[in-house]
């Protein structure tokens, strides 16, 4: 099991997760740490960026805000 899958299981994460072994997405979204979560809007622009653990309530609020626009 790779490190990202192990982290997901330890932290009970069930959302879709991207593995980026060639760092293409990491470079495109300027990810600085792992784990990182990037909320991308329908327009393809970054709406929010977090490093580390993000609570469900914070994530839900950010998604709701992004969907209003």
PDB file of N, CA and C in Angstrom:
ATOM      1  N   UNK A   1       0.851  -1.183   0.000  1.00  0.00           N
ATOM      2  CA  UNK A   1       0.000   0.000   0.000  1.00  0.00           C
ATOM      3  C   UNK A   1       0.892   1.240   0.000  1.00  0.00           C
ATOM      4  N   UNK A   2       0.572   2.193  -0.876  1.00  0.00           N
ATOM      5  CA  UNK A   2       1.412   3.384  -0.919  1.00  0.00           C
ATOM      6  C   UNK A   2       1.094   4.306   0.259  1.00  0.00           C
ATOM      7  N   UNK A   3       1.939   5.294   0.475  1.00  0.00           N
ATOM      8  CA  UNK A   3       1.815   6.177   1.636  1.00  0.00           C
ATOM      9  C   UNK A   3       0.507   6.956   1.648  1.00  0.00           C
ATOM     10  N   UNK A   4       0.066   7.416   0.481  1.00  0.00           N
ATOM     11  CA  UNK A   4      -1.167   8.210   0.454  1.00  0.00           C
ATOM     12  C   UNK A   4      -2.381   7.367   0.834  1.00  0.00           C
ATOM     13  N   UNK A   5      -2.429   6.138   0.362  1.00  0.00           N
ATOM     14  CA  UNK A   5      -3.545   5.253   0.715  1.00  0.00           C
ATOM     15  C   UNK A   5      -3.530   4.941   2.209  1.00  0.00           C
ATOM     16  N   UNK A   6      -2.347   4.720   2.754  1.00  0.00           N
ATOM     17  CA  UNK A   6      -2.221   4.451   4.186  1.00  0.00           C
ATOM     18  C   UNK A   6      -2.695   5.654   4.997  1.00  0.00           C
ATOM     19  N   UNK A   7      -2.324   6.864   4.557  1.00  0.00           N
ATOM     20  CA  UNK A   7      -2.758   8.082   5.255  1.00  0.00           C
ATOM     21  C   UNK A   7      -4.272   8.211   5.207  1.00  0.00           C
ATOM     22  N   UNK A   8      -4.861   7.947   4.036  1.00  0.00           N
ATOM     23  CA  UNK A   8      -6.314   8.024   3.894  1.00  0.00           C
ATOM     24  C   UNK A   8      -7.014   7.084   4.863  1.00  0.00           C
ATOM     25  N   UNK A   9      -6.525   5.879   4.964  1.00  0.00           N
ATOM     26  CA  UNK A   9      -7.134   4.901   5.863  1.00  0.00           C
ATOM     27  C   UNK A   9      -6.971   5.305   7.320  1.00  0.00           C
ATOM     28  N   UNK A  10      -5.780   5.750   7.703  1.00  0.00           N
ATOM     29  CA  UNK A  10      -5.527   6.180   9.081  1.00  0.00           C
ATOM     30  C   UNK A  10      -6.414   7.356   9.477  1.00  0.00           C
ATOM     31  N   UNK A  11      -6.660   8.236   8.539  1.00  0.00           N
ATOM     32  CA  UNK A  11      -7.426   9.453   8.817  1.00  0.00           C
ATOM     33  C   UNK A  11      -8.882   9.359   8.362  1.00  0.00           C
ATOM     34  N   UNK A  12      -9.296   8.152   8.004  1.00  0.00           N
ATOM     35  CA  UNK A  12     -10.681   7.868   7.613  1.00  0.00           C
ATOM     36  C   UNK A  12     -11.184   8.802   6.517  1.00  0.00           C
ATOM     37  N   UNK A  13     -10.371   9.015   5.515  1.00  0.00           N
ATOM     38  CA  UNK A  13     -10.753   9.858   4.376  1.00  0.00           C
ATOM     39  C   UNK A  13     -11.367   8.976   3.305  1.00  0.00           C
ATOM     40  N   UNK A  14     -12.474   9.418   2.761  1.00  0.00           N
ATOM     41  CA  UNK A  14     -13.157   8.627   1.742  1.00  0.00           C
ATOM     42  C   UNK A  14     -13.343   9.388   0.428  1.00  0.00           C
ATOM     43  N   UNK A  15     -12.889  10.639   0.371  1.00  0.00           N
ATOM     44  CA  UNK A  15     -13.049  11.410  -0.863  1.00  0.00           C
ATOM     45  C   UNK A  15     -12.071  10.932  -1.929  1.00  0.00           C
ATOM     46  N   UNK A  16     -12.354  11.282  -3.151  1.00  0.00           N
ATOM     47  CA  UNK A  16     -11.432  10.938  -4.235  1.00  0.00           C
ATOM     48  C   UNK A  16     -10.099  11.612  -3.976  1.00  0.00           C
ATOM     49  N   UNK A  17      -9.052  10.892  -4.235  1.00  0.00           N
ATOM     50  CA  UNK A  17      -7.713  11.395  -3.990  1.00  0.00           C
ATOM     51  C   UNK A  17      -6.865  11.179  -5.229  1.00  0.00           C
ATOM     52  N   UNK A  18      -6.085  12.179  -5.549  1.00  0.00           N
ATOM     53  CA  UNK A  18      -5.207  12.119  -6.709  1.00  0.00           C
ATOM     54  C   UNK A  18      -3.798  11.740  -6.263  1.00  0.00           C
ATOM     55  N   UNK A  19      -3.220  10.773  -6.921  1.00  0.00           N
ATOM     56  CA  UNK A  19      -1.815  10.454  -6.725  1.00  0.00           C
ATOM     57  C   UNK A  19      -1.072  11.005  -7.930  1.00  0.00           C
ATOM     58  N   UNK A  20       0.012  11.716  -7.660  1.00  0.00           N
ATOM     59  CA  UNK A  20       0.702  12.478  -8.707  1.00  0.00           C
ATOM     60  C   UNK A  20       2.200  12.147  -8.703  1.00  0.00           C
ATOM     61  N   UNK A  21       2.572  10.931  -9.121  1.00  0.00           N
ATOM     62  CA  UNK A  21       3.979  10.515  -9.013  1.00  0.00           C
ATOM     63  C   UNK A  21       4.949  11.346  -9.847  1.00  0.00           C
ATOM     64  N   UNK A  22       4.470  12.002 -10.887  1.00  0.00           N
ATOM     65  CA  UNK A  22       5.363  12.815 -11.729  1.00  0.00           C
ATOM     66  C   UNK A  22       5.293  14.307 -11.403  1.00  0.00           C
ATOM     67  N   UNK A  23       4.547  14.660 -10.340  1.00  0.00           N
ATOM     68  CA  UNK A  23       4.462  16.035  -9.827  1.00  0.00           C
ATOM     69  C   UNK A  23       3.869  17.034 -10.818  1.00  0.00           C
ATOM     70  N   UNK A  24       3.085  16.567 -11.765  1.00  0.00           N
ATOM     71  CA  UNK A  24       2.469  17.452 -12.750  1.00  0.00           C
ATOM     72  C   UNK A  24       1.431  18.350 -12.069  1.00  0.00           C
ATOM     73  N   UNK A  25       0.530  17.740 -11.315  1.00  0.00           N
ATOM     74  CA  UNK A  25      -0.519  18.502 -10.636  1.00  0.00           C
ATOM     75  C   UNK A  25       0.079  19.320  -9.496  1.00  0.00           C
ATOM     76  N   UNK A  26       1.035  18.756  -8.800  1.00  0.00           N
ATOM     77  CA  UNK A  26       1.725  19.474  -7.721  1.00  0.00           C
ATOM     78  C   UNK A  26       2.285  20.793  -8.236  1.00  0.00           C
ATOM     79  N   UNK A  27       2.914  20.767  -9.373  1.00  0.00           N
ATOM     80  CA  UNK A  27       3.472  21.986  -9.969  1.00  0.00           C
ATOM     81  C   UNK A  27       2.367  22.923 -10.464  1.00  0.00           C
ATOM     82  N   UNK A  28       1.340  22.375 -11.090  1.00  0.00           N
ATOM     83  CA  UNK A  28       0.272  23.194 -11.653  1.00  0.00           C
ATOM     84  C   UNK A  28      -0.482  23.971 -10.570  1.00  0.00           C
ATOM     85  N   UNK A  29      -0.703  23.323  -9.414  1.00  0.00           N
ATOM     86  CA  UNK A  29      -1.450  23.965  -8.339  1.00  0.00           C
ATOM     87  C   UNK A  29      -0.562  24.472  -7.217  1.00  0.00           C
ATOM     88  N   UNK A  30       0.741  24.409  -7.421  1.00  0.00           N
ATOM     89  CA  UNK A  30       1.716  24.937  -6.469  1.00  0.00           C
ATOM     90  C   UNK A  30       1.521  24.372  -5.054  1.00  0.00           C
ATOM     91  N   UNK A  31       1.397  23.057  -5.005  1.00  0.00           N
ATOM     92  CA  UNK A  31       1.246  22.366  -3.727  1.00  0.00           C
ATOM     93  C   UNK A  31       2.588  22.381  -3.011  1.00  0.00           C
ATOM     94  N   UNK A  32       2.566  22.798  -1.739  1.00  0.00           N
ATOM     95  CA  UNK A  32       3.807  22.931  -0.981  1.00  0.00           C
ATOM     96  C   UNK A  32       4.014  21.835   0.043  1.00  0.00           C
ATOM     97  N   UNK A  33       2.966  21.145   0.414  1.00  0.00           N
ATOM     98  CA  UNK A  33       3.084  20.116   1.439  1.00  0.00           C
ATOM     99  C   UNK A  33       2.121  18.983   1.184  1.00  0.00           C
ATOM    100  N   UNK A  34       2.346  17.896   1.892  1.00  0.00           N
ATOM    101  CA  UNK A  34       1.491  16.726   1.751  1.00  0.00           C
ATOM    102  C   UNK A  34       1.102  16.288   3.161  1.00  0.00           C
ATOM    103  N   UNK A  35      -0.155  16.046   3.451  1.00  0.00           N
ATOM    104  CA  UNK A  35      -1.270  16.080   2.515  1.00  0.00           C
ATOM    105  C   UNK A  35      -1.692  17.518   2.209  1.00  0.00           C
ATOM    106  N   UNK A  36      -2.243  17.690   1.057  1.00  0.00           N
ATOM    107  CA  UNK A  36      -2.774  18.989   0.642  1.00  0.00           C
ATOM    108  C   UNK A  36      -4.131  18.760   0.002  1.00  0.00           C
ATOM    109  N   UNK A  37      -4.979  19.762   0.119  1.00  0.00           N
ATOM    110  CA  UNK A  37      -6.292  19.685  -0.492  1.00  0.00           C
ATOM    111  C   UNK A  37      -6.485  20.970  -1.283  1.00  0.00           C
ATOM    112  N   UNK A  38      -6.833  20.815  -2.535  1.00  0.00           N
ATOM    113  CA  UNK A  38      -7.046  21.961  -3.411  1.00  0.00           C
ATOM    114  C   UNK A  38      -8.489  21.899  -3.898  1.00  0.00           C
ATOM    115  N   UNK A  39      -9.250  22.946  -3.595  1.00  0.00           N
ATOM    116  CA  UNK A  39     -10.624  23.036  -4.075  1.00  0.00           C
ATOM    117  C   UNK A  39     -10.598  23.844  -5.364  1.00  0.00           C
ATOM    118  N   UNK A  40     -10.953  23.188  -6.456  1.00  0.00           N
ATOM    119  CA  UNK A  40     -10.929  23.814  -7.778  1.00  0.00           C
ATOM    120  C   UNK A  40     -12.365  24.070  -8.210  1.00  0.00           C
ATOM    121  N   UNK A  41     -12.643  25.291  -8.601  1.00  0.00           N
ATOM    122  CA  UNK A  41     -13.987  25.664  -9.020  1.00  0.00           C
ATOM    123  C   UNK A  41     -14.313  25.166 -10.411  1.00  0.00           C
ATOM    124  N   UNK A  42     -15.549  25.338 -10.768  1.00  0.00           N
ATOM    125  CA  UNK A  42     -16.003  24.930 -12.106  1.00  0.00           C
ATOM    126  C   UNK A  42     -15.233  25.635 -13.208  1.00  0.00           C
ATOM    127  N   UNK A  43     -14.711  26.819 -12.888  1.00  0.00           N
ATOM    128  CA  UNK A  43     -13.947  27.590 -13.866  1.00  0.00           C
ATOM    129  C   UNK A  43     -12.494  27.150 -13.964  1.00  0.00           C
ATOM    130  N   UNK A  44     -12.119  26.124 -13.173  1.00  0.00           N
ATOM    131  CA  UNK A  44     -10.753  25.606 -13.203  1.00  0.00           C
ATOM    132  C   UNK A  44      -9.779  26.378 -12.328  1.00  0.00           C
ATOM    133  N   UNK A  45     -10.275  27.398 -11.630  1.00  0.00           N
ATOM    134  CA  UNK A  45      -9.414  28.198 -10.761  1.00  0.00           C
ATOM    135  C   UNK A  45      -9.438  27.675  -9.334  1.00  0.00           C
ATOM    136  N   UNK A  46      -8.320  27.820  -8.640  1.00  0.00           N
ATOM    137  CA  UNK A  46      -8.218  27.387  -7.253  1.00  0.00           C
ATOM    138  C   UNK A  46      -9.069  28.308  -6.388  1.00  0.00           C
ATOM    139  N   UNK A  47      -9.986  27.712  -5.637  1.00  0.00           N
ATOM    140  CA  UNK A  47     -10.853  28.471  -4.736  1.00  0.00           C
ATOM    141  C   UNK A  47     -10.315  28.457  -3.312  1.00  0.00           C
ATOM    142  N   UNK A  48      -9.720  27.363  -2.915  1.00  0.00           N
ATOM    143  CA  UNK A  48      -9.144  27.218  -1.574  1.00  0.00           C
ATOM    144  C   UNK A  48      -7.993  26.240  -1.643  1.00  0.00           C
ATOM    145  N   UNK A  49      -7.065  26.402  -0.706  1.00  0.00           N
ATOM    146  CA  UNK A  49      -5.915  25.506  -0.617  1.00  0.00           C
ATOM    147  C   UNK A  49      -5.619  25.277   0.855  1.00  0.00           C
ATOM    148  N   UNK A  50      -5.469  24.031   1.232  1.00  0.00           N
ATOM    149  CA  UNK A  50      -5.135  23.688   2.607  1.00  0.00           C
ATOM    150  C   UNK A  50      -3.976  22.703   2.613  1.00  0.00           C
ATOM    151  N   UNK A  51      -3.138  22.814   3.606  1.00  0.00           N
ATOM    152  CA  UNK A  51      -2.123  21.794   3.879  1.00  0.00           C
ATOM    153  C   UNK A  51      -2.467  21.171   5.215  1.00  0.00           C
ATOM    154  N   UNK A  52      -2.289  19.872   5.298  1.00  0.00           N
ATOM    155  CA  UNK A  52      -2.617  19.176   6.539  1.00  0.00           C
ATOM    156  C   UNK A  52      -4.079  18.769   6.568  1.00  0.00           C
ATOM    157  N   UNK A  53      -4.564  18.516   7.759  1.00  0.00           N
ATOM    158  CA  UNK A  53      -5.927  18.032   7.947  1.00  0.00           C
ATOM    159  C   UNK A  53      -6.921  19.184   7.874  1.00  0.00           C
ATOM    160  N   UNK A  54      -8.033  18.928   7.229  1.00  0.00           N
ATOM    161  CA  UNK A  54      -9.114  19.907   7.099  1.00  0.00           C
ATOM    162  C   UNK A  54     -10.378  19.272   7.665  1.00  0.00           C
ATOM    163  N   UNK A  55     -11.067  19.998   8.532  1.00  0.00           N
ATOM    164  CA  UNK A  55     -12.291  19.441   9.111  1.00  0.00           C
ATOM    165  C   UNK A  55     -13.394  19.381   8.060  1.00  0.00           C
ATOM    166  N   UNK A  56     -14.318  18.472   8.281  1.00  0.00           N
ATOM    167  CA  UNK A  56     -15.439  18.312   7.354  1.00  0.00           C
ATOM    168  C   UNK A  56     -16.252  19.596   7.273  1.00  0.00           C
ATOM    169  N   UNK A  57     -16.450  20.276   8.405  1.00  0.00           N
ATOM    170  CA  UNK A  57     -17.261  21.497   8.398  1.00  0.00           C
ATOM    171  C   UNK A  57     -16.593  22.621   7.601  1.00  0.00           C
ATOM    172  N   UNK A  58     -15.282  22.746   7.713  1.00  0.00           N
ATOM    173  CA  UNK A  58     -14.548  23.766   6.953  1.00  0.00           C
ATOM    174  C   UNK A  58     -14.609  23.448   5.459  1.00  0.00           C
ATOM    175  N   UNK A  59     -14.402  22.193   5.123  1.00  0.00           N
ATOM    176  CA  UNK A  59     -14.458  21.779   3.718  1.00  0.00           C
ATOM    177  C   UNK A  59     -15.856  21.974   3.150  1.00  0.00           C
ATOM    178  N   UNK A  60     -16.874  21.578   3.915  1.00  0.00           N
ATOM    179  CA  UNK A  60     -18.246  21.715   3.437  1.00  0.00           C
ATOM    180  C   UNK A  60     -18.599  23.175   3.210  1.00  0.00           C
ATOM    181  N   UNK A  61     -18.187  24.050   4.112  1.00  0.00           N
ATOM    182  CA  UNK A  61     -18.459  25.485   3.963  1.00  0.00           C
ATOM    183  C   UNK A  61     -17.774  26.043   2.704  1.00  0.00           C
ATOM    184  N   UNK A  62     -16.555  25.627   2.457  1.00  0.00           N
ATOM    185  CA  UNK A  62     -15.825  26.094   1.269  1.00  0.00           C
ATOM    186  C   UNK A  62     -16.478  25.595  -0.014  1.00  0.00           C
ATOM    187  N   UNK A  63     -16.910  24.348  -0.022  1.00  0.00           N
ATOM    188  CA  UNK A  63     -17.588  23.794  -1.204  1.00  0.00           C
ATOM    189  C   UNK A  63     -18.915  24.524  -1.430  1.00  0.00           C
ATOM    190  N   UNK A  64     -19.668  24.738  -0.368  1.00  0.00           N
ATOM    191  CA  UNK A  64     -20.940  25.454  -0.495  1.00  0.00           C
ATOM    192  C   UNK A  64     -20.723  26.854  -1.044  1.00  0.00           C
ATOM    193  N   UNK A  65     -19.701  27.539  -0.556  1.00  0.00           N
ATOM    194  CA  UNK A  65     -19.390  28.887  -1.030  1.00  0.00           C
ATOM    195  C   UNK A  65     -19.004  28.877  -2.515  1.00  0.00           C
ATOM    196  N   UNK A  66     -18.189  27.894  -2.900  1.00  0.00           N
ATOM    197  CA  UNK A  66     -17.758  27.806  -4.297  1.00  0.00           C
ATOM    198  C   UNK A  66     -18.941  27.501  -5.221  1.00  0.00           C
ATOM    199  N   UNK A  67     -19.898  26.730  -4.754  1.00  0.00           N
ATOM    200  CA  UNK A  67     -21.060  26.379  -5.568  1.00  0.00           C
ATOM    201  C   UNK A  67     -22.033  27.540  -5.735  1.00  0.00           C
ATOM    202  N   UNK A  68     -21.980  28.527  -4.851  1.00  0.00           N
ATOM    203  CA  UNK A  68     -22.869  29.692  -4.948  1.00  0.00           C
ATOM    204  C   UNK A  68     -22.502  30.593  -6.106  1.00  0.00           C
ATOM    205  N   UNK A  69     -21.239  30.543  -6.518  1.00  0.00           N
ATOM    206  CA  UNK A  69     -20.748  31.462  -7.543  1.00  0.00           C
ATOM    207  C   UNK A  69     -21.011  30.945  -8.928  1.00  0.00           C
TER     208      UNK A  69
END
